[in-house]
Amino acid sequence: MVRFNFCKVNEGALAVREATQVQVNENDFKIDSSVTSFTPGITYHFVIKNTGKTAHEFMIMPRSEGSMSGMAMGDMDKMALASVDGINPGETKTLDYTFPSSATGSSPEFACYLAGHYEAGMKQGVSVKA
């Protein structure tokens, strides 16, 4: 499914940009994404569904940070490229995100850093390629 975003280009003209839809399933305790290789400059429309029995979050981290237990959530949020908090069981939330050209060649990670979730396996490595 493709979602369209409109942006103002000049003097009232509108340009249409397509957003590629990405299905993300969060379960207890795993993250599965329908897309794992991303292209800078393309807008991605993440549809994040929690099919688990506990609340989760979805963070796009610039790279694999490993376990950050003991770090304040506010500090983790500052490191994140994007995030969605408080995804309750059965709930679906969305996020539009465009990887910048500076991310080319990087290996970001999708993760849930709620207490013990990352350590239980809630992470998925992805790549950004030109």
Protein backbone atom coordinates (compact mmCIF):
# COMPACT_ATOMS: atom_id res chain seq x y z
CA MET A 1 0.00 0.00 0.00
CA VAL A 2 1.28 3.45 -0.86
CA ARG A 3 0.39 6.54 1.12
CA PHE A 4 0.63 9.99 -0.42
CA ASN A 5 2.06 13.02 1.36
CA PHE A 6 1.60 16.51 -0.02
CA CYS A 7 4.14 19.25 0.37
CA LYS A 8 4.14 22.88 -0.74
CA VAL A 9 6.73 23.49 -3.43
CA ASN A 10 6.17 27.08 -4.60
CA GLU A 11 3.43 29.67 -4.79
CA GLY A 12 0.62 27.32 -3.83
CA ALA A 13 1.68 24.41 -6.05
CA LEU A 14 1.60 20.99 -4.43
CA ALA A 15 3.91 18.11 -5.13
CA VAL A 16 2.92 14.55 -4.35
CA ARG A 17 5.45 12.30 -2.70
CA GLU A 18 4.76 8.64 -2.20
CA ALA A 19 5.39 7.07 1.17
CA THR A 20 6.34 3.41 1.22
CA GLN A 21 4.35 1.51 3.81
CA VAL A 22 6.28 -0.65 6.28
CA GLN A 23 4.44 -3.18 8.44
CA VAL A 24 6.05 -3.63 11.86
CA ASN A 25 4.83 -6.33 14.22
CA GLU A 26 5.86 -6.15 17.87
CA ASN A 27 5.26 -9.26 19.90
CA ASP A 28 6.47 -10.51 23.25
CA PHE A 29 9.49 -10.18 22.62
CA LYS A 30 10.36 -9.72 18.98
CA ILE A 31 10.21 -7.05 16.28
CA ASP A 32 9.46 -8.06 12.68
CA SER A 33 9.52 -5.49 9.88
CA SER A 34 8.29 -6.06 6.30
CA VAL A 35 11.18 -3.88 5.08
CA THR A 36 14.74 -4.07 6.40
CA SER A 37 16.65 -2.12 3.73
CA PHE A 38 15.85 1.58 3.40
CA THR A 39 16.80 4.32 0.95
CA PRO A 40 17.61 7.87 2.06
CA GLY A 41 15.19 10.54 0.90
CA ILE A 42 12.20 8.21 0.65
CA THR A 43 9.40 8.71 3.16
CA TYR A 44 8.40 5.51 4.95
CA HIS A 45 5.01 5.13 6.61
CA PHE A 46 5.53 2.70 9.51
CA VAL A 47 2.40 0.87 10.67
CA ILE A 48 3.37 -0.57 14.06
CA LYS A 49 1.09 -3.19 15.57
CA ASN A 50 1.49 -4.66 19.04
CA THR A 51 0.31 -8.27 18.87
CA GLY A 52 1.78 -9.06 22.27
CA LYS A 53 0.32 -9.12 25.75
CA THR A 54 2.34 -6.21 27.16
CA ALA A 55 2.90 -2.57 26.15
CA HIS A 56 5.85 -1.80 23.87
CA GLU A 57 7.54 1.15 22.20
CA PHE A 58 9.17 1.49 18.79
CA MET A 59 12.48 3.30 18.44
CA ILE A 60 14.66 3.81 15.40
CA MET A 61 18.17 4.05 16.79
CA PRO A 62 21.08 5.30 14.65
CA ARG A 63 22.93 2.03 15.24
CA SER A 64 22.86 -0.98 17.53
CA GLU A 65 23.44 0.39 21.02
CA GLY A 66 23.14 -2.93 22.83
CA SER A 67 21.63 -3.07 26.27
CA MET A 68 21.33 0.39 27.75
CA SER A 69 19.89 -0.67 31.08
CA GLY A 70 20.50 2.00 33.64
CA MET A 71 20.35 4.84 31.07
CA ALA A 72 17.52 7.29 31.58
CA MET A 73 14.72 6.98 29.00
CA GLY A 74 15.02 10.70 28.25
CA ASP A 75 18.65 10.18 27.22
CA MET A 76 17.65 7.26 24.98
CA ASP A 77 14.92 9.40 23.41
CA LYS A 78 17.54 12.06 22.56
CA MET A 79 19.62 9.41 20.76
CA ALA A 80 16.69 8.02 18.76
CA LEU A 81 16.11 9.04 15.15
CA ALA A 82 12.37 8.55 15.75
CA SER A 83 10.13 6.83 18.28
CA VAL A 84 6.58 5.88 19.18
CA ASP A 85 5.79 5.43 22.87
CA GLY A 86 3.06 3.49 24.64
CA ILE A 87 1.84 0.96 22.10
CA ASN A 88 -0.65 -1.09 24.11
CA PRO A 89 -1.56 -4.73 23.36
CA GLY A 90 -3.76 -4.91 20.25
CA GLU A 91 -3.03 -1.27 19.37
CA THR A 92 -1.65 0.03 16.07
CA LYS A 93 0.22 3.34 15.75
CA THR A 94 1.88 4.97 12.76
CA LEU A 95 5.04 6.95 12.13
CA ASP A 96 6.30 8.71 9.01
CA TYR A 97 10.07 8.88 8.75
CA THR A 98 12.60 9.73 6.03
CA PHE A 99 16.20 8.60 6.51
CA PRO A 100 18.55 11.51 5.69
CA SER A 101 21.27 11.16 3.06
CA SER A 102 23.82 11.23 5.91
CA ALA A 103 22.46 7.80 6.97
CA THR A 104 23.67 6.13 3.74
CA GLY A 105 25.76 3.08 4.57
CA SER A 106 24.57 2.93 8.17
CA SER A 107 22.98 0.07 10.08
CA PRO A 108 20.22 1.48 12.30
CA GLU A 109 18.26 -0.69 14.67
CA PHE A 110 14.56 -0.93 15.51
CA ALA A 111 14.21 -1.52 19.24
CA CYS A 112 12.00 -1.49 22.31
CA TYR A 113 13.86 -0.27 25.38
CA LEU A 114 11.16 -0.75 27.99
CA ALA A 115 12.67 -2.49 31.01
CA GLY A 116 14.02 -5.90 29.97
CA HIS A 117 12.44 -5.88 26.49
CA TYR A 118 15.62 -5.25 24.49
CA GLU A 119 17.47 -7.92 26.46
CA ALA A 120 14.59 -10.36 25.72
CA GLY A 121 15.10 -9.87 21.97
CA MET A 122 13.05 -6.82 20.97
CA LYS A 123 15.42 -5.52 18.32
CA GLN A 124 15.92 -5.78 14.58
CA GLY A 125 18.88 -4.57 12.58
CA VAL A 126 18.19 -2.74 9.32
CA SER A 127 20.31 -1.01 6.68
CA VAL A 128 20.26 2.26 4.77
CA LYS A 129 21.63 2.02 1.24
CA ALA A 130 21.74 4.45 -1.67
